[in-house]
Structure formats: structure tokens, C-alpha cells
Amino acid sequence: MSNESATIVQKLWNFCNVLRDDGVSYGDYVEQLTYLLFLKLANEQTKPPFNKPSTIPGDLDWESLLNESGAELEAQYVKILRELSSAQGLLGVIFRKSQNRIQTPANLQRLIHLINAENWSGMTADIKGTIYEGLLQKNAEDTKSGAGQYFTPRPLIKAMVTVMPPEPMKTICDPACGTGGFFLAAHDYISENYGSTLTREQKEFLRFNTFAGTDIVDNVVRLCVMNLYLHGIGGIESPITTDDSLSRDTGERYDMVLTNPPFGNRSSITIATDGSGRNNASLTYERDDFWATTSNKQFNFLQHIKTILKADGRAAVVLPDNVLFERGAGETIRRHLLKQFDVHTLLRLPTGIFYAQGVKANVLFFSKRPAREEPWTQRLWIYDLRTNKRFTLKTNPLQDTDLQDFITAYNPENREARVETERFRAFSYDELIEREHVNLDIFWLKTDELEDAADLPTPDVLVTEITENLETALAQFQSIQTELDNHE
């Protein structure tokens, strides 16, 4: 982040600390900033040198806020939010279900003046986007708000995009898009690697047609759309929709899927094959295109992703450990995936890199292939970035350099020329399919022994590791329970 961006982020975030005394949470603050920043940008676009027609009615625009104070300001702001929430296109997505969370008019006026002091349109998309990303990251760091579950570590996203190199005129989907991190990284990759050679058609496709995303949470969709908008992605129509991705197959197919689906044991609703929904205890999705019916959300996302890929489409998906070993439906899904898709790489992620506590996760890389009798997976290469690796969010966060060896070993230019290393090993299809329940939870490195008390991790790291181990054990017990229930 540049000094200019960091200064603005700090200025905006310092004011958030003032608003907290007024009962405004971090998430609410970023939400209100989104509304006001959009109004300010729309107003700037009507001025020289842009001179564009306003997309917002005159009685609901930015200047209508500058002319008010006190109760009148609050009333005008509420009116703007209420009326724009029913607008069409991008405007409607930004202001969908919007409400005023700033209860003190004086604080609202101060925030308006804070935003008004900057010339946002005069900044490059990189600077505007970096400022907003900085705010989203600060929001994610507030563990009480739960916003961290929508924020995948940026070094991990960058590494995933690097080894999956996106190309111009290819579509990219994230069915659980969060705040849009994968889209921004893919956009940056294409811009940096093809920028000087992109044709006008390719540039327009990159901006308006490359990305498609879905999230089930209205406010998260709002943050994602604004994040993309500030980075120069999208137009009058939103590339992101509020929906439950798992509810149905829309028929859309994509060249690439990059995603980190939400972790959790249960889906929120049962969806029958006729499209009707009902709340009950089973909490499953019943879809004809799925290999197995299960209440496990991660397995359902995995099955949804295999459906929405085009022929020869590619996917990189962050998944928790239980997807590798859970029995029953899990075993069925792993068998089908290994046979019908080229499941070529598994990155075992270290602990301590996600804002949600106790997460043991992996990235699974696979490609879609046409139907045939022989299995498509020849060898699954597993890179162990977990054993003897210790990271924390504050004192030792994951960095780009920590993933460089994985990128080198992955060898995106020629996967056939890979070589085994201490942390990178290949397992044949026959080896995998013969493992009990097709368990892919594979390790081979030995854990370093701690020599003395001085080498012990800090108490917070120890507590986190104990919690992670207990949650892993619980997931295994739940898997066994599910298998027993299915045999009753």
C-alpha cells in the first residue's frame, strides 16, 4: 500500500473509532462508507473533465447531503438510502436493503466532510481499490464481527492465480465470492501479463464479461461490487448477484472457478429437485447433477463447481480437511472426482493464516475432462506447507515469499515436468483409490521435536493448535455418525 493510500485508510479508520462510541460496528462503518463513497464518485463523474450524465436523481445525490445538517441531514440520508434501494442494476445492488447506522447527525456530517475532502476520481483505480481493500482487511481483523470468514489471505489468492494463469477472453466464476479477492487478483494478473497487447475487445471483455460471482449475504455482495467498481471492473450492471449458489444449476458454464467456499458443517435449507425449499432437520440439497446428497456444505460446493465448469475448465478451491477424509457421501464424491476429472494438485495449507480460528484447509486443483471409461487422474501431487510451519495473523503472517517454493514446484508452464521434493510428492491413481475410504488426508514429513521449553510456541498458538486438533477430531466423529445414520 502506498503512503497516500495508507494515510487515507488510517484517516477513515480513525474516525471509525469515534463512531464506535456511537454504537457503530466495524462492519456497519464500512457499509456506510460504501454508500457515501459511491454517491461522491457518482457526483465527481458529472464534473469536468468527465461531464457524464448523472446516474442518480438530483434530489438524491451527493450535493443534497452537503447542503443539510442536523435532523434534516439525517432525514435526507435516510431518504436517499430508501429510494435508491429499489433502483435497477449496479445502483440497486449497492443500496440493496440499505439503512442508516449512524445515529448522531453530527457524526454523519463529519464523515461526509471527510469523504468530500478527497478527489476520488482523480486517484487511479489502483489507489482507490487499495484504500477500499485496506478497509476491508481492517474489518476482517475484527474477529468479533465475523467478517474474516469472507477474507481469504491475499498471498494465498495471489499464489492460486499465479499457478492457474487466467487468460484474456476467458470467464472466471466465484460462487462464494466474499469481497472479491480472487477477481481482483485475476484482473491484476491479466492486466500485468497481457496489458500492452490487449485489444480493445479484450479490454472490454476483461472489464464487463470476465467475472461472475455470487454470495448469499447482501452486505458482502455490496462490499464485493464496490470493491470491483473502485478497481474499474463492471459497468451499469453488476457482475455479482445475491443468491444461494447451491440451490440450483443455472446452466451457466465458466472457463475457470477460483473460490474459498464458507466453512461449516451444515447447509441452511433443503432444496428439492423441483426447486422448492423447505426448512427441516435434514438440511440437504437434492440436485440431479450431484453425485451424492449430503448436508456437508463443502461437498455440495465441490459438486456445484464440477457442474459449472466448461469442458476443459479449471478449478482451484479452498477446502477444509474433512473433505479429504469424511466417509459416506465424501468417499463417493472423491471416487467420482478422481475418475471423471484430472485432480492433479493438493496444497496442504498451514494453520494460523485465516481469521476464523481452528481452520485446517487445503487448496484442491482439478480440470474437467470429457467422459471416458479410464480415470482421468493419473497422479495427485501433494505439497505439504503445513508440517513444521507456524504462522499467526499478527506476529508471523503468511507472505508471498512463503508460497514461492510451491509455485516453483507446481510448475504452471509444464506440469508434466514436475519433480518430487521434500515437501512435494506424487501419488498414483491406483494408490489413492486403494486407500481406505479413498482418504486423501496424506502426510509424510515428520514433525520436529521440541527440544526444550524455550522452543515452545506462545500460549495463544498452543491454545489455537489444541482447538484445531479437537475440531478435527469432532469432524471425524461427525463423519462416523453420519455414516451410521445412513445405515439405520
Protein backbone atom coordinates (compact mmCIF):
# COMPACT_ATOMS: atom_id res chain seq x y z
CA MET A 1 0.00 0.00 0.00
CA SER A 2 1.37 3.43 -0.96
CA ASN A 3 1.82 6.16 1.63
CA GLU A 4 -1.09 8.07 0.10
CA SER A 5 -3.41 5.07 0.35
CA ALA A 6 -2.27 4.18 3.85
CA THR A 7 -2.83 7.76 5.05
CA ILE A 8 -6.39 7.84 3.74
CA VAL A 9 -7.18 4.40 5.18
CA GLN A 10 -5.84 5.46 8.56
CA LYS A 11 -7.79 8.72 8.44
CA LEU A 12 -11.04 6.92 7.63
CA TRP A 13 -10.37 4.18 10.15
CA ASN A 14 -9.55 6.60 12.95
CA PHE A 15 -12.99 8.10 12.52
CA CYS A 16 -14.46 4.63 12.88
CA ASN A 17 -13.07 4.58 16.42
CA VAL A 18 -15.07 7.74 17.13
CA LEU A 19 -18.23 6.15 15.75
CA ARG A 20 -17.79 3.03 17.88
CA ASP A 21 -18.71 5.15 20.87
CA ASP A 22 -21.94 5.84 18.99
CA GLY A 23 -22.63 2.11 18.68
CA VAL A 24 -21.42 1.71 15.08
CA SER A 25 -19.58 -1.56 14.46
CA TYR A 26 -16.65 -2.00 12.06
CA GLY A 27 -18.90 -3.73 9.54
CA ASP A 28 -21.58 -1.05 9.75
CA TYR A 29 -18.94 1.62 9.27
CA VAL A 30 -17.56 0.08 6.08
CA GLU A 31 -21.14 -0.31 4.85
CA GLN A 32 -21.92 3.38 5.42
CA LEU A 33 -18.62 4.36 3.79
CA THR A 34 -19.66 2.33 0.75
CA TYR A 35 -22.93 4.25 0.33
CA LEU A 36 -21.32 7.65 0.76
CA LEU A 37 -18.26 6.90 -1.35
CA PHE A 38 -20.44 5.71 -4.22
CA LEU A 39 -22.51 8.91 -4.05
CA LYS A 40 -19.33 11.03 -4.03
CA LEU A 41 -17.84 9.18 -7.01
CA ALA A 42 -21.08 9.46 -8.97
CA ASN A 43 -21.09 13.22 -8.31
CA GLU A 44 -17.47 13.63 -9.41
CA GLN A 45 -18.23 11.90 -12.70
CA THR A 46 -20.67 14.70 -13.59
CA LYS A 47 -17.88 17.32 -13.27
CA PRO A 48 -15.05 18.21 -15.70
CA PRO A 49 -13.21 16.50 -17.27
CA PHE A 50 -15.73 13.64 -17.24
CA ASN A 51 -19.01 15.59 -17.73
CA LYS A 52 -21.09 12.41 -17.67
CA PRO A 53 -24.84 12.47 -17.08
CA SER A 54 -25.74 11.66 -13.50
CA THR A 55 -26.94 8.16 -12.72
CA ILE A 56 -28.56 9.44 -9.53
CA PRO A 57 -31.62 11.74 -9.35
CA GLY A 58 -30.77 15.32 -8.34
CA ASP A 59 -32.74 15.24 -5.11
CA LEU A 60 -30.85 12.10 -4.02
CA ASP A 61 -27.27 12.98 -4.98
CA TRP A 62 -24.14 13.83 -3.03
CA GLU A 63 -24.68 17.57 -3.10
CA SER A 64 -28.09 17.16 -1.49
CA LEU A 65 -26.21 15.92 1.59
CA LEU A 66 -23.69 18.77 1.59
CA ASN A 67 -26.46 21.33 1.90
CA GLU A 68 -28.01 19.85 5.05
CA SER A 69 -27.14 19.44 8.73
CA GLY A 70 -28.69 18.12 11.91
CA ALA A 71 -32.04 16.34 11.69
CA GLU A 72 -32.53 17.49 8.09
CA LEU A 73 -29.26 15.80 7.08
CA GLU A 74 -30.28 12.56 8.74
CA ALA A 75 -33.69 12.67 7.06
CA GLN A 76 -32.14 13.31 3.64
CA TYR A 77 -29.66 10.46 4.06
CA VAL A 78 -32.43 8.05 5.06
CA LYS A 79 -34.47 9.18 2.03
CA ILE A 80 -31.52 8.53 -0.31
CA LEU A 81 -30.93 5.05 1.08
CA ARG A 82 -34.60 4.12 0.96
CA GLU A 83 -35.25 5.29 -2.61
CA LEU A 84 -32.00 4.04 -4.16
CA SER A 85 -32.53 0.59 -2.64
CA SER A 86 -35.20 -0.04 -5.27
CA ALA A 87 -33.05 1.13 -8.21
CA GLN A 88 -32.05 -1.21 -11.03
CA GLY A 89 -28.59 -2.52 -11.97
CA LEU A 90 -25.43 -1.68 -10.09
CA LEU A 91 -27.13 1.11 -8.15
CA GLY A 92 -29.71 -1.28 -6.75
CA VAL A 93 -27.06 -3.81 -5.71
CA ILE A 94 -25.00 -1.17 -3.87
CA PHE A 95 -28.01 0.20 -1.98
CA ARG A 96 -29.99 -3.04 -1.56
CA LYS A 97 -31.68 -3.11 1.88
CA SER A 98 -29.59 -0.11 2.91
CA GLN A 99 -30.16 1.54 6.29
CA ASN A 100 -28.59 4.40 8.21
CA ARG A 101 -26.48 3.04 11.07
CA ILE A 102 -25.06 6.42 12.15
CA GLN A 103 -27.48 7.73 14.73
CA THR A 104 -25.81 11.07 15.51
CA PRO A 105 -26.26 13.66 12.69
CA ALA A 106 -23.06 15.46 13.71
CA ASN A 107 -21.03 12.28 13.16
CA LEU A 108 -22.73 11.70 9.82
CA GLN A 109 -21.88 15.23 8.73
CA ARG A 110 -18.27 14.83 9.82
CA LEU A 111 -17.95 11.60 7.81
CA ILE A 112 -19.46 13.28 4.75
CA HIS A 113 -16.95 16.12 5.00
CA LEU A 114 -14.12 13.62 5.48
CA ILE A 115 -15.04 11.90 2.21
CA ASN A 116 -15.75 15.16 0.45
CA ALA A 117 -12.23 16.42 1.18
CA GLU A 118 -10.71 13.86 -1.21
CA ASN A 119 -10.84 13.88 -5.01
CA TRP A 120 -11.59 10.21 -5.51
CA SER A 121 -11.96 10.30 -9.29
CA GLY A 122 -8.52 11.89 -9.53
CA MET A 123 -6.99 8.77 -7.99
CA THR A 124 -6.06 5.80 -10.12
CA ALA A 125 -8.13 2.64 -9.84
CA ASP A 126 -5.18 1.02 -8.07
CA ILE A 127 -5.13 3.67 -5.35
CA LYS A 128 -8.93 3.75 -4.85
CA GLY A 129 -9.07 -0.03 -4.82
CA THR A 130 -6.14 -0.33 -2.42
CA ILE A 131 -7.79 2.08 0.00
CA TYR A 132 -11.02 0.07 -0.02
CA GLU A 133 -9.15 -3.25 0.27
CA GLY A 134 -7.31 -1.79 3.24
CA LEU A 135 -10.63 -1.01 4.93
CA LEU A 136 -11.95 -4.50 4.18
CA GLN A 137 -8.85 -6.06 5.70
CA LYS A 138 -9.17 -3.96 8.84
CA ASN A 139 -12.80 -5.05 9.04
CA ALA A 140 -11.73 -8.69 8.67
CA GLU A 141 -9.27 -8.27 11.55
CA ASP A 142 -12.19 -7.54 13.86
CA THR A 143 -12.78 -11.19 14.78
CA LYS A 144 -15.94 -10.38 16.76
CA SER A 145 -17.74 -9.24 13.62
CA GLY A 146 -17.12 -12.49 11.77
CA ALA A 147 -16.07 -10.54 8.67
CA GLY A 148 -12.85 -12.54 8.47
CA GLN A 149 -14.75 -15.51 7.05
CA TYR A 150 -15.15 -13.54 3.82
CA PHE A 151 -11.50 -12.54 3.58
CA THR A 152 -9.08 -15.09 2.10
CA PRO A 153 -5.38 -14.30 2.75
CA ARG A 154 -4.20 -12.25 -0.22
CA PRO A 155 -0.83 -14.06 -0.59
CA LEU A 156 -2.74 -17.34 -0.94
CA ILE A 157 -5.09 -15.86 -3.54
CA LYS A 158 -2.16 -14.45 -5.49
CA ALA A 159 -0.37 -17.81 -5.49
CA MET A 160 -3.51 -19.65 -6.62
CA VAL A 161 -3.98 -17.23 -9.51
CA THR A 162 -0.30 -17.41 -10.46
CA VAL A 163 -0.34 -21.19 -10.88
CA MET A 164 -3.75 -21.14 -12.60
CA PRO A 165 -2.79 -18.36 -15.03
CA PRO A 166 -6.01 -16.72 -16.28
CA GLU A 167 -6.15 -15.65 -19.92
CA PRO A 168 -7.94 -12.91 -21.87
CA MET A 169 -11.44 -13.70 -23.16
CA LYS A 170 -11.92 -16.47 -20.59
CA THR A 171 -14.65 -16.38 -17.93
CA ILE A 172 -13.94 -16.70 -14.21
CA CYS A 173 -16.54 -17.55 -11.57
CA ASP A 174 -16.50 -17.48 -7.79
CA PRO A 175 -19.74 -18.99 -6.42
CA ALA A 176 -18.90 -17.79 -2.90
CA CYS A 177 -17.19 -14.53 -3.84
CA GLY A 178 -16.92 -12.75 -0.49
CA THR A 179 -15.34 -9.35 -1.06
CA GLY A 180 -13.94 -10.26 -4.50
CA GLY A 181 -10.31 -11.08 -3.75
CA PHE A 182 -10.00 -13.74 -6.46
CA PHE A 183 -11.47 -11.43 -9.11
CA LEU A 184 -9.05 -8.63 -8.29
CA ALA A 185 -6.02 -10.94 -8.35
CA ALA A 186 -7.09 -12.45 -11.69
CA HIS A 187 -7.73 -8.97 -13.12
CA ASP A 188 -4.28 -7.83 -11.97
CA TYR A 189 -2.64 -10.92 -13.47
CA ILE A 190 -4.21 -10.41 -16.90
CA SER A 191 -3.50 -6.67 -16.84
CA GLU A 192 0.15 -7.15 -15.86
CA ASN A 193 0.90 -10.06 -18.20
CA TYR A 194 -1.16 -9.06 -21.25
CA GLY A 195 -1.75 -5.34 -20.70
CA SER A 196 0.30 -3.97 -23.59
CA THR A 197 -1.08 -6.50 -26.07
CA LEU A 198 -4.76 -6.50 -25.11
CA THR A 199 -7.05 -5.46 -27.95
CA ARG A 200 -9.99 -3.15 -27.36
CA GLU A 201 -12.32 -6.14 -27.46
CA GLN A 202 -10.22 -7.97 -24.89
CA LYS A 203 -10.12 -4.94 -22.59
CA GLU A 204 -13.91 -4.59 -22.72
CA PHE A 205 -14.35 -8.30 -22.08
CA LEU A 206 -12.00 -8.09 -19.09
CA ARG A 207 -13.96 -5.23 -17.60
CA PHE A 208 -17.53 -6.30 -18.33
CA ASN A 209 -17.69 -10.05 -19.07
CA THR A 210 -14.82 -11.92 -17.45
CA PHE A 211 -16.13 -12.17 -13.90
CA ALA A 212 -19.29 -13.65 -12.42
CA GLY A 213 -19.86 -14.08 -8.71
CA THR A 214 -22.49 -14.97 -6.15
CA ASP A 215 -22.79 -14.64 -2.41
CA ILE A 216 -25.70 -15.33 -0.13
CA VAL A 217 -25.14 -12.32 2.16
CA ASP A 218 -26.48 -8.96 0.92
CA ASN A 219 -23.89 -6.83 2.68
CA VAL A 220 -21.00 -8.96 1.42
CA VAL A 221 -22.29 -8.63 -2.17
CA ARG A 222 -22.41 -4.86 -1.66
CA LEU A 223 -18.79 -4.79 -0.49
CA CYS A 224 -17.67 -7.00 -3.37
CA VAL A 225 -19.45 -4.90 -6.01
CA MET A 226 -17.98 -1.70 -4.58
CA ASN A 227 -14.52 -3.30 -4.42
CA LEU A 228 -14.71 -4.24 -8.11
CA TYR A 229 -16.19 -0.86 -9.06
CA LEU A 230 -13.32 1.03 -7.43
CA HIS A 231 -10.87 -1.20 -9.31
CA GLY A 232 -12.52 -0.35 -12.62
CA ILE A 233 -14.38 -3.65 -13.04
CA GLY A 234 -18.02 -3.78 -14.10
CA GLY A 235 -20.47 -1.28 -15.56
CA ILE A 236 -24.08 -0.27 -15.05
CA GLU A 237 -24.95 -3.94 -14.48
CA SER A 238 -23.48 -5.78 -11.52
CA PRO A 239 -21.30 -8.84 -12.18
CA ILE A 240 -22.21 -10.08 -8.70
CA THR A 241 -25.59 -11.36 -7.54
CA THR A 242 -27.13 -12.14 -4.17
CA ASP A 243 -28.20 -15.77 -4.26
CA ASP A 244 -27.63 -19.24 -2.86
CA SER A 245 -25.26 -20.78 -5.40
CA LEU A 246 -26.09 -24.29 -4.25
CA SER A 247 -29.84 -24.01 -4.76
CA ARG A 248 -29.78 -24.93 -8.45
CA ASP A 249 -27.82 -25.30 -11.67
CA THR A 250 -28.44 -22.08 -13.61
CA GLY A 251 -26.96 -23.58 -16.77
CA GLU A 252 -24.09 -21.08 -16.92
CA ARG A 253 -20.63 -22.57 -17.56
CA TYR A 254 -17.22 -21.00 -16.93
CA ASP A 255 -13.64 -21.47 -18.05
CA MET A 256 -12.30 -21.16 -14.52
CA VAL A 257 -13.54 -21.32 -10.93
CA LEU A 258 -11.50 -19.75 -8.14
CA THR A 259 -13.15 -19.85 -4.74
CA ASN A 260 -12.96 -20.29 -0.97
CA PRO A 261 -16.45 -21.52 -0.01
CA PRO A 262 -17.65 -20.84 3.53
CA PHE A 263 -16.59 -23.43 6.08
CA GLY A 264 -19.30 -25.02 8.19
CA ASN A 265 -20.96 -28.34 8.78
CA ARG A 266 -24.47 -27.66 7.57
CA SER A 267 -26.31 -26.02 4.71
CA SER A 268 -29.11 -23.63 5.55
CA ILE A 269 -32.04 -25.11 3.67
CA THR A 270 -33.24 -28.23 1.89
CA ILE A 271 -33.71 -27.73 -1.83
CA ALA A 272 -35.71 -30.37 -3.65
CA THR A 273 -35.21 -31.26 -7.31
CA ASP A 274 -38.34 -29.34 -8.25
CA GLY A 275 -36.72 -26.16 -6.92
CA SER A 276 -38.96 -25.83 -3.85
CA GLY A 277 -37.37 -25.14 -0.48
CA ARG A 278 -38.37 -26.22 2.99
CA ASN A 279 -36.78 -25.93 6.39
CA ASN A 280 -36.34 -29.24 8.16
CA ALA A 281 -33.78 -31.26 10.06
CA SER A 282 -32.05 -32.89 7.09
CA LEU A 283 -30.68 -29.65 5.61
CA THR A 284 -29.53 -31.08 2.29
CA TYR A 285 -29.50 -30.12 -1.37
CA GLU A 286 -31.06 -32.65 -3.70
CA ARG A 287 -29.80 -31.98 -7.22
CA ASP A 288 -29.81 -34.33 -10.19
CA ASP A 289 -26.34 -33.15 -11.20
CA PHE A 290 -24.82 -34.06 -7.82
CA TRP A 291 -23.07 -37.39 -7.26
CA ALA A 292 -24.29 -37.64 -3.66
CA THR A 293 -26.85 -36.00 -1.41
CA THR A 294 -25.26 -34.61 1.74
CA SER A 295 -25.69 -31.88 4.33
CA ASN A 296 -21.97 -31.07 4.14
CA LYS A 297 -21.70 -27.62 2.62
CA GLN A 298 -18.15 -28.07 1.32
CA PHE A 299 -19.02 -31.27 -0.54
CA ASN A 300 -22.02 -29.52 -2.06
CA PHE A 301 -19.85 -26.64 -3.24
CA LEU A 302 -17.36 -29.12 -4.70
CA GLN A 303 -20.17 -30.82 -6.63
CA HIS A 304 -21.59 -27.47 -7.75
CA ILE A 305 -18.17 -26.40 -9.04
CA LYS A 306 -17.71 -29.55 -11.12
CA THR A 307 -21.09 -28.79 -12.73
CA ILE A 308 -20.45 -25.15 -13.67
CA LEU A 309 -17.08 -25.78 -15.33
CA LYS A 310 -16.93 -25.74 -19.12
CA ALA A 311 -15.35 -28.65 -20.96
CA ASP A 312 -11.63 -28.40 -20.15
CA GLY A 313 -12.49 -25.85 -17.44
CA ARG A 314 -10.12 -25.48 -14.49
CA ALA A 315 -10.76 -25.03 -10.77
CA ALA A 316 -8.82 -24.11 -7.63
CA VAL A 317 -10.86 -24.48 -4.45
CA VAL A 318 -10.02 -23.92 -0.78
CA LEU A 319 -11.49 -26.81 1.23
CA PRO A 320 -11.26 -27.92 4.87
CA ASP A 321 -9.55 -31.16 5.87
CA ASN A 322 -12.79 -33.10 6.36
CA VAL A 323 -13.37 -33.07 2.60
CA LEU A 324 -10.28 -35.27 2.30
CA PHE A 325 -11.32 -37.98 4.75
CA GLU A 326 -15.06 -37.86 5.52
CA ARG A 327 -16.77 -41.16 4.77
CA GLY A 328 -20.13 -41.93 3.19
CA ALA A 329 -21.02 -39.25 0.67
CA GLY A 330 -17.48 -37.93 0.94
CA GLU A 331 -15.98 -41.16 -0.28
CA THR A 332 -18.48 -41.33 -3.15
CA ILE A 333 -17.64 -37.79 -4.25
CA ARG A 334 -13.88 -38.33 -4.07
CA ARG A 335 -14.14 -41.51 -6.17
CA HIS A 336 -16.18 -39.75 -8.86
CA LEU A 337 -13.93 -36.68 -8.85
CA LEU A 338 -10.71 -38.69 -9.23
CA LYS A 339 -12.17 -40.77 -12.06
CA GLN A 340 -14.04 -38.14 -14.07
CA PHE A 341 -11.72 -35.15 -13.53
CA ASP A 342 -7.98 -34.61 -13.63
CA VAL A 343 -7.34 -33.97 -9.94
CA HIS A 344 -3.68 -33.06 -10.20
CA THR A 345 -2.59 -30.94 -7.20
CA LEU A 346 -3.33 -30.58 -3.50
CA LEU A 347 -1.77 -27.82 -1.40
CA ARG A 348 -1.89 -28.58 2.34
CA LEU A 349 -2.18 -25.16 3.98
CA PRO A 350 -0.60 -24.19 7.29
CA THR A 351 -2.69 -23.21 10.29
CA GLY A 352 -2.86 -19.66 11.61
CA ILE A 353 -3.43 -17.94 8.24
CA PHE A 354 -7.23 -17.50 8.37
CA TYR A 355 -9.19 -15.07 10.51
CA ALA A 356 -11.54 -17.85 11.53
CA GLN A 357 -9.96 -19.87 14.33
CA GLY A 358 -9.19 -23.57 14.10
CA VAL A 359 -9.15 -23.82 10.31
CA LYS A 360 -7.20 -26.65 8.71
CA ALA A 361 -7.56 -26.20 4.99
CA ASN A 362 -6.20 -27.18 1.60
CA VAL A 363 -6.39 -25.99 -1.98
CA LEU A 364 -7.55 -28.61 -4.48
CA PHE A 365 -6.70 -28.06 -8.16
CA PHE A 366 -8.54 -30.02 -10.85
CA SER A 367 -9.59 -29.84 -14.51
CA LYS A 368 -12.72 -31.02 -16.28
CA ARG A 369 -12.37 -33.67 -18.97
CA PRO A 370 -14.73 -35.39 -21.44
CA ALA A 371 -16.40 -38.65 -20.40
CA ARG A 372 -14.40 -41.87 -20.81
CA GLU A 373 -14.00 -45.25 -19.12
CA GLU A 374 -10.43 -44.76 -17.95
CA PRO A 375 -9.85 -42.49 -14.93
CA TRP A 376 -8.60 -39.01 -15.80
CA THR A 377 -6.49 -38.56 -12.66
CA GLN A 378 -3.09 -40.08 -13.28
CA ARG A 379 -1.16 -38.62 -10.35
CA LEU A 380 -2.13 -36.34 -7.50
CA TRP A 381 0.79 -34.13 -6.47
CA ILE A 382 0.60 -33.04 -2.82
CA TYR A 383 2.57 -30.09 -1.47
CA ASP A 384 2.86 -30.01 2.33
CA LEU A 385 3.06 -26.39 3.52
CA ARG A 386 1.73 -27.35 6.96
CA THR A 387 4.16 -29.66 8.71
CA ASN A 388 6.65 -27.69 10.82
CA LYS A 389 5.26 -24.38 9.54
CA ARG A 390 3.95 -21.85 12.05
CA PHE A 391 2.04 -18.70 11.14
CA THR A 392 -0.01 -16.19 13.09
CA LEU A 393 -2.12 -13.32 11.82
CA LYS A 394 -0.19 -10.63 13.68
CA THR A 395 3.35 -11.69 14.55
CA ASN A 396 4.12 -14.02 11.62
CA PRO A 397 1.53 -13.58 8.85
CA LEU A 398 1.65 -15.53 5.60
CA GLN A 399 3.73 -13.69 2.97
CA ASP A 400 4.10 -14.03 -0.81
CA THR A 401 7.58 -15.48 -0.30
CA ASP A 402 6.18 -18.34 1.81
CA LEU A 403 4.37 -19.67 -1.26
CA GLN A 404 7.14 -19.17 -3.80
CA ASP A 405 8.52 -22.71 -3.42
CA PHE A 406 5.04 -24.13 -4.02
CA ILE A 407 4.65 -22.02 -7.17
CA THR A 408 8.02 -23.26 -8.43
CA ALA A 409 7.18 -26.89 -7.63
CA TYR A 410 3.73 -26.59 -9.23
CA ASN A 411 5.44 -25.61 -12.50
CA PRO A 412 2.43 -23.99 -14.21
CA GLU A 413 4.33 -23.75 -17.52
CA ASN A 414 4.68 -27.54 -17.75
CA ARG A 415 3.05 -29.71 -15.09
CA GLU A 416 4.42 -32.82 -16.80
CA ALA A 417 7.96 -31.76 -15.87
CA ARG A 418 7.37 -31.69 -12.12
CA VAL A 419 9.92 -33.26 -9.79
CA GLU A 420 9.47 -34.54 -6.26
CA THR A 421 10.99 -32.60 -3.37
CA GLU A 422 10.94 -32.93 0.40
CA ARG A 423 7.55 -31.20 0.52
CA PHE A 424 6.17 -32.22 -2.89
CA ARG A 425 5.22 -35.80 -3.68
CA ALA A 426 3.14 -37.59 -6.31
CA PHE A 427 0.62 -40.37 -5.64
CA SER A 428 -0.77 -42.52 -8.43
CA TYR A 429 -4.48 -43.02 -9.06
CA ASP A 430 -4.19 -46.67 -8.01
CA GLU A 431 -2.50 -45.70 -4.74
CA LEU A 432 -5.23 -43.19 -3.95
CA ILE A 433 -8.19 -45.37 -4.87
CA GLU A 434 -6.87 -48.26 -2.78
CA ARG A 435 -6.60 -46.15 0.38
CA GLU A 436 -9.31 -46.88 2.92
CA HIS A 437 -12.38 -44.75 2.02
CA VAL A 438 -10.19 -43.03 -0.59
CA ASN A 439 -8.73 -40.95 2.23
CA LEU A 440 -6.66 -38.12 0.76
CA ASP A 441 -5.52 -36.79 4.14
CA ILE A 442 -1.89 -37.67 3.38
CA PHE A 443 1.27 -36.61 5.23
CA TRP A 444 4.81 -37.97 5.12
CA LEU A 445 7.02 -35.36 6.82
CA LYS A 446 7.92 -35.89 10.47
CA THR A 447 7.06 -33.19 12.97
CA ASP A 448 10.08 -31.50 14.53
CA GLU A 449 10.55 -32.46 18.15
CA LEU A 450 10.70 -29.56 20.60
CA GLU A 451 13.99 -29.72 22.42
CA ASP A 452 13.21 -27.62 25.47
CA ALA A 453 10.72 -25.19 26.94
CA ALA A 454 12.39 -22.27 25.21
CA ASP A 455 11.25 -23.72 21.86
CA LEU A 456 7.61 -23.97 22.89
CA PRO A 457 5.15 -21.82 20.94
CA THR A 458 3.44 -18.94 22.70
CA PRO A 459 0.33 -19.80 24.78
CA ASP A 460 -2.06 -18.38 22.18
CA VAL A 461 -0.52 -20.59 19.48
CA LEU A 462 -0.74 -23.65 21.74
CA VAL A 463 -4.40 -22.96 22.52
CA THR A 464 -5.15 -22.50 18.81
CA GLU A 465 -3.44 -25.79 17.92
CA ILE A 466 -5.33 -27.65 20.67
CA THR A 467 -8.60 -26.16 19.40
CA GLU A 468 -7.77 -27.17 15.83
CA ASN A 469 -6.99 -30.75 16.85
CA LEU A 470 -10.22 -31.02 18.83
CA GLU A 471 -12.25 -29.66 15.91
CA THR A 472 -10.59 -32.11 13.52
CA ALA A 473 -11.42 -34.98 15.88
CA LEU A 474 -15.00 -33.74 16.15
CA ALA A 475 -15.30 -33.63 12.36
CA GLN A 476 -14.12 -37.26 12.20
CA PHE A 477 -16.69 -38.30 14.82
CA GLN A 478 -19.41 -36.46 12.90
CA SER A 479 -18.36 -38.31 9.76
CA ILE A 480 -18.71 -41.65 11.55
CA GLN A 481 -22.08 -40.57 13.00
CA THR A 482 -23.33 -39.59 9.53
CA GLU A 483 -22.26 -42.97 8.16
CA LEU A 484 -24.06 -44.78 10.98
CA ASP A 485 -27.20 -42.70 10.45
CA ASN A 486 -27.21 -43.59 6.76
CA HIS A 487 -27.17 -47.29 7.60
CA GLU A 488 -30.08 -47.12 10.04
